[in-house]
Amino acid sequence: MIEYFLCFVLFCIGLYAVAVKRNMIKIIIGLSIMGYAINLFFTLIGYVHNAAYPILSKVNITQQTSLNMVDPLPQALVLTAIVIGLAITIILVSISIRLYEKYGTFDITEIRKLKG
């Protein structure tokens, strides 16, 4: 149960960075932290204590139905989410670099004032 609470705390730290900070790099880091918290939460949902792994376990097919099995679907979804999150982070960093080249600052309040 403590793991779920720590995932929530990690998500709240990322949400704080997105909501309060005005530096674009800090906002991108906050979004990444939120993504990591969600990935960790999905991985924890699929885990079952003292369970057999569906691929590497050497259990007969008849015995498999009576054992607890670890769900591989959340792990597969997390792998996909990691790749998508990396692509989004790269796009956000490239947009931030272009805005810095144009306006000379990472502060979003200064960029809003310039409007040019």
PDB file of N, CA and C in Angstrom:
ATOM      1  N   MET A   1       0.821  -1.203   0.000  1.00  0.00           N
ATOM      2  CA  MET A   1       0.000   0.000   0.000  1.00  0.00           C
ATOM      3  C   MET A   1       0.865   1.267   0.000  1.00  0.00           C
ATOM      4  N   ILE A   2       2.025   1.181   0.642  1.00  0.00           N
ATOM      5  CA  ILE A   2       2.902   2.342   0.695  1.00  0.00           C
ATOM      6  C   ILE A   2       3.430   2.695  -0.693  1.00  0.00           C
ATOM      7  N   GLU A   3       3.577   1.688  -1.560  1.00  0.00           N
ATOM      8  CA  GLU A   3       4.076   1.954  -2.907  1.00  0.00           C
ATOM      9  C   GLU A   3       3.108   2.827  -3.692  1.00  0.00           C
ATOM     10  N   TYR A   4       1.810   2.572  -3.527  1.00  0.00           N
ATOM     11  CA  TYR A   4       0.806   3.374  -4.226  1.00  0.00           C
ATOM     12  C   TYR A   4       0.816   4.813  -3.718  1.00  0.00           C
ATOM     13  N   PHE A   5       1.008   4.972  -2.424  1.00  0.00           N
ATOM     14  CA  PHE A   5       1.085   6.314  -1.856  1.00  0.00           C
ATOM     15  C   PHE A   5       2.311   7.056  -2.385  1.00  0.00           C
ATOM     16  N   LEU A   6       3.445   6.365  -2.492  1.00  0.00           N
ATOM     17  CA  LEU A   6       4.648   6.999  -3.020  1.00  0.00           C
ATOM     18  C   LEU A   6       4.492   7.371  -4.495  1.00  0.00           C
ATOM     19  N   CYS A   7       3.752   6.554  -5.250  1.00  0.00           N
ATOM     20  CA  CYS A   7       3.446   6.921  -6.638  1.00  0.00           C
ATOM     21  C   CYS A   7       2.618   8.195  -6.686  1.00  0.00           C
ATOM     22  N   PHE A   8       1.665   8.308  -5.777  1.00  0.00           N
ATOM     23  CA  PHE A   8       0.834   9.507  -5.711  1.00  0.00           C
ATOM     24  C   PHE A   8       1.670  10.731  -5.340  1.00  0.00           C
ATOM     25  N   VAL A   9       2.603  10.572  -4.388  1.00  0.00           N
ATOM     26  CA  VAL A   9       3.481  11.680  -3.990  1.00  0.00           C
ATOM     27  C   VAL A   9       4.357  12.101  -5.170  1.00  0.00           C
ATOM     28  N   LEU A  10       4.902  11.137  -5.890  1.00  0.00           N
ATOM     29  CA  LEU A  10       5.726  11.442  -7.055  1.00  0.00           C
ATOM     30  C   LEU A  10       4.914  12.173  -8.122  1.00  0.00           C
ATOM     31  N   PHE A  11       3.674  11.745  -8.334  1.00  0.00           N
ATOM     32  CA  PHE A  11       2.805  12.422  -9.290  1.00  0.00           C
ATOM     33  C   PHE A  11       2.513  13.856  -8.837  1.00  0.00           C
ATOM     34  N   CYS A  12       2.281  14.043  -7.539  1.00  0.00           N
ATOM     35  CA  CYS A  12       2.001  15.388  -7.028  1.00  0.00           C
ATOM     36  C   CYS A  12       3.211  16.308  -7.163  1.00  0.00           C
ATOM     37  N   ILE A  13       4.424  15.769  -7.026  1.00  0.00           N
ATOM     38  CA  ILE A  13       5.631  16.577  -7.226  1.00  0.00           C
ATOM     39  C   ILE A  13       5.706  17.056  -8.674  1.00  0.00           C
ATOM     40  N   GLY A  14       5.423  16.161  -9.617  1.00  0.00           N
ATOM     41  CA  GLY A  14       5.413  16.558 -11.020  1.00  0.00           C
ATOM     42  C   GLY A  14       4.314  17.554 -11.329  1.00  0.00           C
ATOM     43  N   LEU A  15       3.146  17.350 -10.729  1.00  0.00           N
ATOM     44  CA  LEU A  15       2.035  18.276 -10.933  1.00  0.00           C
ATOM     45  C   LEU A  15       2.353  19.658 -10.370  1.00  0.00           C
ATOM     46  N   TYR A  16       3.048  19.698  -9.241  1.00  0.00           N
ATOM     47  CA  TYR A  16       3.477  20.973  -8.667  1.00  0.00           C
ATOM     48  C   TYR A  16       4.408  21.708  -9.625  1.00  0.00           C
ATOM     49  N   ALA A  17       5.339  20.965 -10.209  1.00  0.00           N
ATOM     50  CA  ALA A  17       6.281  21.594 -11.138  1.00  0.00           C
ATOM     51  C   ALA A  17       5.570  22.142 -12.364  1.00  0.00           C
ATOM     52  N   VAL A  18       4.566  21.435 -12.844  1.00  0.00           N
ATOM     53  CA  VAL A  18       3.830  21.896 -14.027  1.00  0.00           C
ATOM     54  C   VAL A  18       2.949  23.097 -13.691  1.00  0.00           C
ATOM     55  N   ALA A  19       2.317  23.077 -12.532  1.00  0.00           N
ATOM     56  CA  ALA A  19       1.347  24.116 -12.193  1.00  0.00           C
ATOM     57  C   ALA A  19       1.992  25.401 -11.684  1.00  0.00           C
ATOM     58  N   VAL A  20       3.102  25.307 -10.978  1.00  0.00           N
ATOM     59  CA  VAL A  20       3.641  26.473 -10.293  1.00  0.00           C
ATOM     60  C   VAL A  20       4.846  27.086 -11.007  1.00  0.00           C
ATOM     61  N   LYS A  21       5.718  26.261 -11.528  1.00  0.00           N
ATOM     62  CA  LYS A  21       6.960  26.769 -12.116  1.00  0.00           C
ATOM     63  C   LYS A  21       6.679  27.473 -13.444  1.00  0.00           C
ATOM     64  N   ARG A  22       7.500  28.470 -13.747  1.00  0.00           N
ATOM     65  CA  ARG A  22       7.321  29.242 -14.975  1.00  0.00           C
ATOM     66  C   ARG A  22       8.449  29.012 -15.983  1.00  0.00           C
ATOM     67  N   ASN A  23       9.436  28.229 -15.615  1.00  0.00           N
ATOM     68  CA  ASN A  23      10.529  27.899 -16.508  1.00  0.00           C
ATOM     69  C   ASN A  23      10.115  26.686 -17.348  1.00  0.00           C
ATOM     70  N   MET A  24      10.288  26.772 -18.665  1.00  0.00           N
ATOM     71  CA  MET A  24       9.827  25.688 -19.549  1.00  0.00           C
ATOM     72  C   MET A  24      10.559  24.380 -19.294  1.00  0.00           C
ATOM     73  N   ILE A  25      11.843  24.445 -18.958  1.00  0.00           N
ATOM     74  CA  ILE A  25      12.605  23.228 -18.697  1.00  0.00           C
ATOM     75  C   ILE A  25      12.080  22.542 -17.434  1.00  0.00           C
ATOM     76  N   LYS A  26      11.751  23.314 -16.414  1.00  0.00           N
ATOM     77  CA  LYS A  26      11.199  22.734 -15.188  1.00  0.00           C
ATOM     78  C   LYS A  26       9.818  22.131 -15.436  1.00  0.00           C
ATOM     79  N   ILE A  27       9.050  22.731 -16.308  1.00  0.00           N
ATOM     80  CA  ILE A  27       7.740  22.179 -16.666  1.00  0.00           C
ATOM     81  C   ILE A  27       7.911  20.856 -17.405  1.00  0.00           C
ATOM     82  N   ILE A  28       8.873  20.770 -18.292  1.00  0.00           N
ATOM     83  CA  ILE A  28       9.128  19.524 -19.020  1.00  0.00           C
ATOM     84  C   ILE A  28       9.588  18.434 -18.063  1.00  0.00           C
ATOM     85  N   ILE A  29      10.445  18.785 -17.109  1.00  0.00           N
ATOM     86  CA  ILE A  29      10.884  17.808 -16.103  1.00  0.00           C
ATOM     87  C   ILE A  29       9.704  17.355 -15.252  1.00  0.00           C
ATOM     88  N   GLY A  30       8.809  18.275 -14.910  1.00  0.00           N
ATOM     89  CA  GLY A  30       7.612  17.913 -14.151  1.00  0.00           C
ATOM     90  C   GLY A  30       6.712  16.956 -14.916  1.00  0.00           C
ATOM     91  N   LEU A  31       6.555  17.189 -16.212  1.00  0.00           N
ATOM     92  CA  LEU A  31       5.767  16.269 -17.036  1.00  0.00           C
ATOM     93  C   LEU A  31       6.409  14.889 -17.096  1.00  0.00           C
ATOM     94  N   SER A  32       7.731  14.850 -17.168  1.00  0.00           N
ATOM     95  CA  SER A  32       8.424  13.563 -17.180  1.00  0.00           C
ATOM     96  C   SER A  32       8.250  12.830 -15.853  1.00  0.00           C
ATOM     97  N   ILE A  33       8.327  13.551 -14.754  1.00  0.00           N
ATOM     98  CA  ILE A  33       8.130  12.930 -13.439  1.00  0.00           C
ATOM     99  C   ILE A  33       6.713  12.381 -13.321  1.00  0.00           C
ATOM    100  N   MET A  34       5.736  13.116 -13.826  1.00  0.00           N
ATOM    101  CA  MET A  34       4.353  12.614 -13.797  1.00  0.00           C
ATOM    102  C   MET A  34       4.218  11.336 -14.622  1.00  0.00           C
ATOM    103  N   GLY A  35       4.863  11.307 -15.777  1.00  0.00           N
ATOM    104  CA  GLY A  35       4.827  10.110 -16.611  1.00  0.00           C
ATOM    105  C   GLY A  35       5.473   8.917 -15.929  1.00  0.00           C
ATOM    106  N   TYR A  36       6.600   9.146 -15.256  1.00  0.00           N
ATOM    107  CA  TYR A  36       7.261   8.058 -14.534  1.00  0.00           C
ATOM    108  C   TYR A  36       6.390   7.541 -13.397  1.00  0.00           C
ATOM    109  N   ALA A  37       5.694   8.439 -12.719  1.00  0.00           N
ATOM    110  CA  ALA A  37       4.812   8.012 -11.630  1.00  0.00           C
ATOM    111  C   ALA A  37       3.669   7.148 -12.159  1.00  0.00           C
ATOM    112  N   ILE A  38       3.108   7.530 -13.280  1.00  0.00           N
ATOM    113  CA  ILE A  38       2.022   6.739 -13.866  1.00  0.00           C
ATOM    114  C   ILE A  38       2.538   5.383 -14.337  1.00  0.00           C
ATOM    115  N   ASN A  39       3.734   5.351 -14.938  1.00  0.00           N
ATOM    116  CA  ASN A  39       4.309   4.080 -15.371  1.00  0.00           C
ATOM    117  C   ASN A  39       4.577   3.159 -14.184  1.00  0.00           C
ATOM    118  N   LEU A  40       5.080   3.721 -13.106  1.00  0.00           N
ATOM    119  CA  LEU A  40       5.327   2.928 -11.911  1.00  0.00           C
ATOM    120  C   LEU A  40       4.024   2.393 -11.332  1.00  0.00           C
ATOM    121  N   PHE A  41       2.987   3.203 -11.347  1.00  0.00           N
ATOM    122  CA  PHE A  41       1.686   2.771 -10.841  1.00  0.00           C
ATOM    123  C   PHE A  41       1.129   1.608 -11.665  1.00  0.00           C
ATOM    124  N   PHE A  42       1.221   1.708 -12.995  1.00  0.00           N
ATOM    125  CA  PHE A  42       0.739   0.613 -13.844  1.00  0.00           C
ATOM    126  C   PHE A  42       1.535  -0.665 -13.622  1.00  0.00           C
ATOM    127  N   THR A  43       2.833  -0.532 -13.415  1.00  0.00           N
ATOM    128  CA  THR A  43       3.649  -1.711 -13.145  1.00  0.00           C
ATOM    129  C   THR A  43       3.266  -2.337 -11.815  1.00  0.00           C
ATOM    130  N   LEU A  44       2.988  -1.522 -10.815  1.00  0.00           N
ATOM    131  CA  LEU A  44       2.576  -2.054  -9.516  1.00  0.00           C
ATOM    132  C   LEU A  44       1.211  -2.730  -9.575  1.00  0.00           C
ATOM    133  N   ILE A  45       0.339  -2.256 -10.438  1.00  0.00           N
ATOM    134  CA  ILE A  45      -0.973  -2.893 -10.568  1.00  0.00           C
ATOM    135  C   ILE A  45      -0.832  -4.319 -11.097  1.00  0.00           C
ATOM    136  N   GLY A  46       0.082  -4.531 -12.023  1.00  0.00           N
ATOM    137  CA  GLY A  46       0.242  -5.848 -12.628  1.00  0.00           C
ATOM    138  C   GLY A  46       1.008  -6.832 -11.774  1.00  0.00           C
ATOM    139  N   TYR A  47       1.674  -6.357 -10.717  1.00  0.00           N
ATOM    140  CA  TYR A  47       2.486  -7.247  -9.893  1.00  0.00           C
ATOM    141  C   TYR A  47       1.622  -7.977  -8.860  1.00  0.00           C
ATOM    142  N   VAL A  48       1.901  -9.268  -8.688  1.00  0.00           N
ATOM    143  CA  VAL A  48       1.234 -10.083  -7.668  1.00  0.00           C
ATOM    144  C   VAL A  48       2.325 -10.748  -6.844  1.00  0.00           C
ATOM    145  N   HIS A  49       2.263 -10.599  -5.523  1.00  0.00           N
ATOM    146  CA  HIS A  49       3.288 -11.146  -4.643  1.00  0.00           C
ATOM    147  C   HIS A  49       3.262 -12.677  -4.666  1.00  0.00           C
ATOM    148  N   ASN A  50       4.432 -13.288  -4.761  1.00  0.00           N
ATOM    149  CA  ASN A  50       4.601 -14.753  -4.814  1.00  0.00           C
ATOM    150  C   ASN A  50       3.848 -15.377  -5.981  1.00  0.00           C
ATOM    151  N   ALA A  51       3.876 -14.731  -7.105  1.00  0.00           N
ATOM    152  CA  ALA A  51       3.174 -15.250  -8.280  1.00  0.00           C
ATOM    153  C   ALA A  51       4.187 -15.767  -9.296  1.00  0.00           C
ATOM    154  N   ALA A  52       3.706 -16.611 -10.194  1.00  0.00           N
ATOM    155  CA  ALA A  52       4.550 -17.150 -11.254  1.00  0.00           C
ATOM    156  C   ALA A  52       4.526 -16.194 -12.444  1.00  0.00           C
ATOM    157  N   TYR A  53       5.663 -16.116 -13.130  1.00  0.00           N
ATOM    158  CA  TYR A  53       5.734 -15.297 -14.325  1.00  0.00           C
ATOM    159  C   TYR A  53       5.225 -16.109 -15.505  1.00  0.00           C
ATOM    160  N   PRO A  54       4.417 -15.538 -16.372  1.00  0.00           N
ATOM    161  CA  PRO A  54       3.770 -16.333 -17.419  1.00  0.00           C
ATOM    162  C   PRO A  54       4.716 -16.848 -18.502  1.00  0.00           C
ATOM    163  N   ILE A  55       5.838 -16.200 -18.716  1.00  0.00           N
ATOM    164  CA  ILE A  55       6.705 -16.605 -19.814  1.00  0.00           C
ATOM    165  C   ILE A  55       7.822 -17.525 -19.327  1.00  0.00           C
ATOM    166  N   LEU A  56       8.456 -17.167 -18.229  1.00  0.00           N
ATOM    167  CA  LEU A  56       9.639 -17.893 -17.784  1.00  0.00           C
ATOM    168  C   LEU A  56       9.353 -19.006 -16.785  1.00  0.00           C
ATOM    169  N   SER A  57       8.130 -19.173 -16.368  1.00  0.00           N
ATOM    170  CA  SER A  57       7.842 -20.200 -15.368  1.00  0.00           C
ATOM    171  C   SER A  57       7.821 -21.576 -16.013  1.00  0.00           C
ATOM    172  N   LYS A  58       8.306 -22.548 -15.277  1.00  0.00           N
ATOM    173  CA  LYS A  58       8.338 -23.925 -15.762  1.00  0.00           C
ATOM    174  C   LYS A  58       7.219 -24.712 -15.096  1.00  0.00           C
ATOM    175  N   VAL A  59       6.002 -24.274 -15.318  1.00  0.00           N
ATOM    176  CA  VAL A  59       4.821 -24.888 -14.732  1.00  0.00           C
ATOM    177  C   VAL A  59       4.017 -25.532 -15.843  1.00  0.00           C
ATOM    178  N   ASN A  60       3.459 -26.677 -15.564  1.00  0.00           N
ATOM    179  CA  ASN A  60       2.619 -27.345 -16.564  1.00  0.00           C
ATOM    180  C   ASN A  60       1.365 -26.533 -16.836  1.00  0.00           C
ATOM    181  N   ILE A  61       0.778 -26.753 -17.993  1.00  0.00           N
ATOM    182  CA  ILE A  61      -0.433 -26.020 -18.380  1.00  0.00           C
ATOM    183  C   ILE A  61      -1.566 -26.325 -17.415  1.00  0.00           C
ATOM    184  N   THR A  62      -1.666 -27.546 -16.935  1.00  0.00           N
ATOM    185  CA  THR A  62      -2.760 -27.900 -16.030  1.00  0.00           C
ATOM    186  C   THR A  62      -2.592 -27.236 -14.672  1.00  0.00           C
ATOM    187  N   GLN A  63      -1.366 -26.987 -14.256  1.00  0.00           N
ATOM    188  CA  GLN A  63      -1.131 -26.350 -12.963  1.00  0.00           C
ATOM    189  C   GLN A  63      -1.214 -24.828 -13.046  1.00  0.00           C
ATOM    190  N   GLN A  64      -1.109 -24.280 -14.235  1.00  0.00           N
ATOM    191  CA  GLN A  64      -1.097 -22.834 -14.387  1.00  0.00           C
ATOM    192  C   GLN A  64      -2.408 -22.192 -13.963  1.00  0.00           C
ATOM    193  N   THR A  65      -3.501 -22.859 -14.133  1.00  0.00           N
ATOM    194  CA  THR A  65      -4.784 -22.256 -13.799  1.00  0.00           C
ATOM    195  C   THR A  65      -4.961 -22.095 -12.299  1.00  0.00           C
ATOM    196  N   SER A  66      -4.268 -22.922 -11.502  1.00  0.00           N
ATOM    197  CA  SER A  66      -4.434 -22.832 -10.055  1.00  0.00           C
ATOM    198  C   SER A  66      -3.453 -21.863  -9.406  1.00  0.00           C
ATOM    199  N   LEU A  67      -2.435 -21.424 -10.125  1.00  0.00           N
ATOM    200  CA  LEU A  67      -1.452 -20.505  -9.566  1.00  0.00           C
ATOM    201  C   LEU A  67      -1.815 -19.048  -9.855  1.00  0.00           C
ATOM    202  N   ASN A  68      -1.297 -18.189  -8.987  1.00  0.00           N
ATOM    203  CA  ASN A  68      -1.402 -16.755  -9.270  1.00  0.00           C
ATOM    204  C   ASN A  68      -0.370 -16.406 -10.324  1.00  0.00           C
ATOM    205  N   MET A  69      -0.771 -15.644 -11.304  1.00  0.00           N
ATOM    206  CA  MET A  69       0.132 -15.259 -12.383  1.00  0.00           C
ATOM    207  C   MET A  69       0.290 -13.743 -12.395  1.00  0.00           C
ATOM    208  N   VAL A  70       1.473 -13.288 -12.752  1.00  0.00           N
ATOM    209  CA  VAL A  70       1.730 -11.860 -12.922  1.00  0.00           C
ATOM    210  C   VAL A  70       1.139 -11.445 -14.259  1.00  0.00           C
ATOM    211  N   ASP A  71       0.422 -10.333 -14.255  1.00  0.00           N
ATOM    212  CA  ASP A  71      -0.218  -9.854 -15.482  1.00  0.00           C
ATOM    213  C   ASP A  71       0.813  -9.123 -16.346  1.00  0.00           C
ATOM    214  N   PRO A  72       1.107  -9.615 -17.553  1.00  0.00           N
ATOM    215  CA  PRO A  72       2.111  -8.955 -18.391  1.00  0.00           C
ATOM    216  C   PRO A  72       1.584  -7.749 -19.167  1.00  0.00           C
ATOM    217  N   LEU A  73       0.276  -7.561 -19.226  1.00  0.00           N
ATOM    218  CA  LEU A  73      -0.284  -6.467 -20.013  1.00  0.00           C
ATOM    219  C   LEU A  73       0.133  -5.083 -19.514  1.00  0.00           C
ATOM    220  N   PRO A  74       0.080  -4.789 -18.199  1.00  0.00           N
ATOM    221  CA  PRO A  74       0.542  -3.463 -17.770  1.00  0.00           C
ATOM    222  C   PRO A  74       2.012  -3.204 -18.092  1.00  0.00           C
ATOM    223  N   GLN A  75       2.832  -4.245 -18.044  1.00  0.00           N
ATOM    224  CA  GLN A  75       4.241  -4.064 -18.376  1.00  0.00           C
ATOM    225  C   GLN A  75       4.412  -3.714 -19.850  1.00  0.00           C
ATOM    226  N   ALA A  76       3.637  -4.342 -20.702  1.00  0.00           N
ATOM    227  CA  ALA A  76       3.700  -4.028 -22.130  1.00  0.00           C
ATOM    228  C   ALA A  76       3.199  -2.606 -22.392  1.00  0.00           C
ATOM    229  N   LEU A  77       2.152  -2.203 -21.697  1.00  0.00           N
ATOM    230  CA  LEU A  77       1.648  -0.839 -21.856  1.00  0.00           C
ATOM    231  C   LEU A  77       2.665   0.192 -21.369  1.00  0.00           C
ATOM    232  N   VAL A  78       3.373  -0.131 -20.296  1.00  0.00           N
ATOM    233  CA  VAL A  78       4.385   0.788 -19.773  1.00  0.00           C
ATOM    234  C   VAL A  78       5.539   0.928 -20.761  1.00  0.00           C
ATOM    235  N   LEU A  79       5.942  -0.159 -21.389  1.00  0.00           N
ATOM    236  CA  LEU A  79       7.000  -0.057 -22.397  1.00  0.00           C
ATOM    237  C   LEU A  79       6.590   0.854 -23.546  1.00  0.00           C
ATOM    238  N   THR A  80       5.350   0.741 -23.970  1.00  0.00           N
ATOM    239  CA  THR A  80       4.850   1.620 -25.021  1.00  0.00           C
ATOM    240  C   THR A  80       4.782   3.065 -24.533  1.00  0.00           C
ATOM    241  N   ALA A  81       4.339   3.260 -23.305  1.00  0.00           N
ATOM    242  CA  ALA A  81       4.238   4.614 -22.750  1.00  0.00           C
ATOM    243  C   ALA A  81       5.606   5.258 -22.582  1.00  0.00           C
ATOM    244  N   ILE A  82       6.629   4.463 -22.282  1.00  0.00           N
ATOM    245  CA  ILE A  82       7.981   5.013 -22.156  1.00  0.00           C
ATOM    246  C   ILE A  82       8.466   5.560 -23.495  1.00  0.00           C
ATOM    247  N   VAL A  83       8.212   4.828 -24.560  1.00  0.00           N
ATOM    248  CA  VAL A  83       8.643   5.282 -25.886  1.00  0.00           C
ATOM    249  C   VAL A  83       7.877   6.539 -26.291  1.00  0.00           C
ATOM    250  N   ILE A  84       6.588   6.561 -26.064  1.00  0.00           N
ATOM    251  CA  ILE A  84       5.787   7.738 -26.405  1.00  0.00           C
ATOM    252  C   ILE A  84       6.205   8.933 -25.547  1.00  0.00           C
ATOM    253  N   GLY A  85       6.453   8.699 -24.255  1.00  0.00           N
ATOM    254  CA  GLY A  85       6.901   9.778 -23.373  1.00  0.00           C
ATOM    255  C   GLY A  85       8.240  10.348 -23.782  1.00  0.00           C
ATOM    256  N   LEU A  86       9.144   9.492 -24.245  1.00  0.00           N
ATOM    257  CA  LEU A  86      10.430   9.969 -24.727  1.00  0.00           C
ATOM    258  C   LEU A  86      10.269  10.841 -25.970  1.00  0.00           C
ATOM    259  N   ALA A  87       9.394  10.434 -26.874  1.00  0.00           N
ATOM    260  CA  ALA A  87       9.154  11.232 -28.081  1.00  0.00           C
ATOM    261  C   ALA A  87       8.541  12.588 -27.733  1.00  0.00           C
ATOM    262  N   ILE A  88       7.621  12.599 -26.808  1.00  0.00           N
ATOM    263  CA  ILE A  88       6.997  13.859 -26.390  1.00  0.00           C
ATOM    264  C   ILE A  88       8.024  14.767 -25.721  1.00  0.00           C
ATOM    265  N   THR A  89       8.887  14.191 -24.902  1.00  0.00           N
ATOM    266  CA  THR A  89       9.928  14.986 -24.243  1.00  0.00           C
ATOM    267  C   THR A  89      10.880  15.594 -25.256  1.00  0.00           C
ATOM    268  N   ILE A  90      11.245  14.833 -26.268  1.00  0.00           N
ATOM    269  CA  ILE A  90      12.137  15.358 -27.304  1.00  0.00           C
ATOM    270  C   ILE A  90      11.470  16.514 -28.054  1.00  0.00           C
ATOM    271  N   ILE A  91      10.201  16.366 -28.371  1.00  0.00           N
ATOM    272  CA  ILE A  91       9.484  17.439 -29.070  1.00  0.00           C
ATOM    273  C   ILE A  91       9.385  18.688 -28.192  1.00  0.00           C
ATOM    274  N   LEU A  92       9.077  18.520 -26.910  1.00  0.00           N
ATOM    275  CA  LEU A  92       8.967  19.665 -26.013  1.00  0.00           C
ATOM    276  C   LEU A  92      10.304  20.371 -25.832  1.00  0.00           C
ATOM    277  N   VAL A  93      11.382  19.612 -25.729  1.00  0.00           N
ATOM    278  CA  VAL A  93      12.699  20.232 -25.594  1.00  0.00           C
ATOM    279  C   VAL A  93      13.074  20.987 -26.869  1.00  0.00           C
ATOM    280  N   SER A  94      12.766  20.414 -28.026  1.00  0.00           N
ATOM    281  CA  SER A  94      13.089  21.116 -29.268  1.00  0.00           C
ATOM    282  C   SER A  94      12.268  22.401 -29.422  1.00  0.00           C
ATOM    283  N   ILE A  95      11.009  22.363 -29.020  1.00  0.00           N
ATOM    284  CA  ILE A  95      10.198  23.588 -29.049  1.00  0.00           C
ATOM    285  C   ILE A  95      10.752  24.622 -28.079  1.00  0.00           C
ATOM    286  N   SER A  96      11.181  24.168 -26.900  1.00  0.00           N
ATOM    287  CA  SER A  96      11.758  25.094 -25.918  1.00  0.00           C
ATOM    288  C   SER A  96      13.045  25.729 -26.432  1.00  0.00           C
ATOM    289  N   ILE A  97      13.868  24.954 -27.111  1.00  0.00           N
ATOM    290  CA  ILE A  97      15.107  25.495 -27.666  1.00  0.00           C
ATOM    291  C   ILE A  97      14.802  26.539 -28.740  1.00  0.00           C
ATOM    292  N   ARG A  98      13.834  26.256 -29.591  1.00  0.00           N
ATOM    293  CA  ARG A  98      13.459  27.226 -30.629  1.00  0.00           C
ATOM    294  C   ARG A  98      12.900  28.512 -30.010  1.00  0.00           C
ATOM    295  N   LEU A  99      12.093  28.383 -28.958  1.00  0.00           N
ATOM    296  CA  LEU A  99      11.577  29.575 -28.291  1.00  0.00           C
ATOM    297  C   LEU A  99      12.698  30.358 -27.613  1.00  0.00           C
ATOM    298  N   TYR A 100      13.682  29.650 -27.062  1.00  0.00           N
ATOM    299  CA  TYR A 100      14.810  30.344 -26.448  1.00  0.00           C
ATOM    300  C   TYR A 100      15.633  31.089 -27.496  1.00  0.00           C
ATOM    301  N   GLU A 101      15.796  30.478 -28.671  1.00  0.00           N
ATOM    302  CA  GLU A 101      16.530  31.153 -29.738  1.00  0.00           C
ATOM    303  C   GLU A 101      15.812  32.411 -30.209  1.00  0.00           C
ATOM    304  N   LYS A 102      14.479  32.362 -30.204  1.00  0.00           N
ATOM    305  CA  LYS A 102      13.712  33.512 -30.691  1.00  0.00           C
ATOM    306  C   LYS A 102      13.578  34.606 -29.630  1.00  0.00           C
ATOM    307  N   TYR A 103      13.253  34.222 -28.376  1.00  0.00           N
ATOM    308  CA  TYR A 103      12.955  35.209 -27.344  1.00  0.00           C
ATOM    309  C   TYR A 103      14.083  35.415 -26.338  1.00  0.00           C
ATOM    310  N   GLY A 104      15.030  34.478 -26.244  1.00  0.00           N
ATOM    311  CA  GLY A 104      16.146  34.633 -25.318  1.00  0.00           C
ATOM    312  C   GLY A 104      15.839  34.309 -23.873  1.00  0.00           C
ATOM    313  N   THR A 105      14.740  33.636 -23.605  1.00  0.00           N
ATOM    314  CA  THR A 105      14.385  33.270 -22.233  1.00  0.00           C
ATOM    315  C   THR A 105      13.560  31.988 -22.239  1.00  0.00           C
ATOM    316  N   PHE A 106      13.619  31.287 -21.095  1.00  0.00           N
ATOM    317  CA  PHE A 106      12.781  30.108 -20.906  1.00  0.00           C
ATOM    318  C   PHE A 106      11.540  30.427 -20.061  1.00  0.00           C
ATOM    319  N   ASP A 107      11.440  31.646 -19.587  1.00  0.00           N
ATOM    320  CA  ASP A 107      10.326  32.048 -18.728  1.00  0.00           C
ATOM    321  C   ASP A 107       9.077  32.270 -19.575  1.00  0.00           C
ATOM    322  N   ILE A 108       8.008  31.531 -19.274  1.00  0.00           N
ATOM    323  CA  ILE A 108       6.810  31.630 -20.116  1.00  0.00           C
ATOM    324  C   ILE A 108       6.048  32.931 -19.901  1.00  0.00           C
ATOM    325  N   THR A 109       6.211  33.559 -18.740  1.00  0.00           N
ATOM    326  CA  THR A 109       5.534  34.846 -18.540  1.00  0.00           C
ATOM    327  C   THR A 109       6.193  35.934 -19.389  1.00  0.00           C
ATOM    328  N   GLU A 110       7.508  35.889 -19.553  1.00  0.00           N
ATOM    329  CA  GLU A 110       8.203  36.853 -20.419  1.00  0.00           C
ATOM    330  C   GLU A 110       7.847  36.634 -21.880  1.00  0.00           C
ATOM    331  N   ILE A 111       7.712  35.380 -22.293  1.00  0.00           N
ATOM    332  CA  ILE A 111       7.361  35.078 -23.684  1.00  0.00           C
ATOM    333  C   ILE A 111       5.960  35.567 -23.994  1.00  0.00           C
ATOM    334  N   ARG A 112       5.048  35.451 -23.034  1.00  0.00           N
ATOM    335  CA  ARG A 112       3.682  35.947 -23.243  1.00  0.00           C
ATOM    336  C   ARG A 112       3.650  37.459 -23.385  1.00  0.00           C
ATOM    337  N   LYS A 113       4.532  38.152 -22.670  1.00  0.00           N
ATOM    338  CA  LYS A 113       4.565  39.618 -22.756  1.00  0.00           C
ATOM    339  C   LYS A 113       5.068  40.099 -24.108  1.00  0.00           C
ATOM    340  N   LEU A 114       5.998  39.355 -24.734  1.00  0.00           N
ATOM    341  CA  LEU A 114       6.635  39.830 -25.968  1.00  0.00           C
ATOM    342  C   LEU A 114       5.687  39.781 -27.162  1.00  0.00           C
ATOM    343  N   LYS A 115       4.987  38.722 -27.367  1.00  0.00           N
ATOM    344  CA  LYS A 115       4.015  38.540 -28.464  1.00  0.00           C
ATOM    345  C   LYS A 115       4.565  39.054 -29.804  1.00  0.00           C
ATOM    346  N   GLY A 116       5.614  38.413 -30.282  1.00  0.00           N
ATOM    347  CA  GLY A 116       6.167  38.912 -31.517  1.00  0.00           C
ATOM    348  C   GLY A 116       6.584  37.897 -32.483  1.00  0.00           C
TER     349      GLY A 116
END
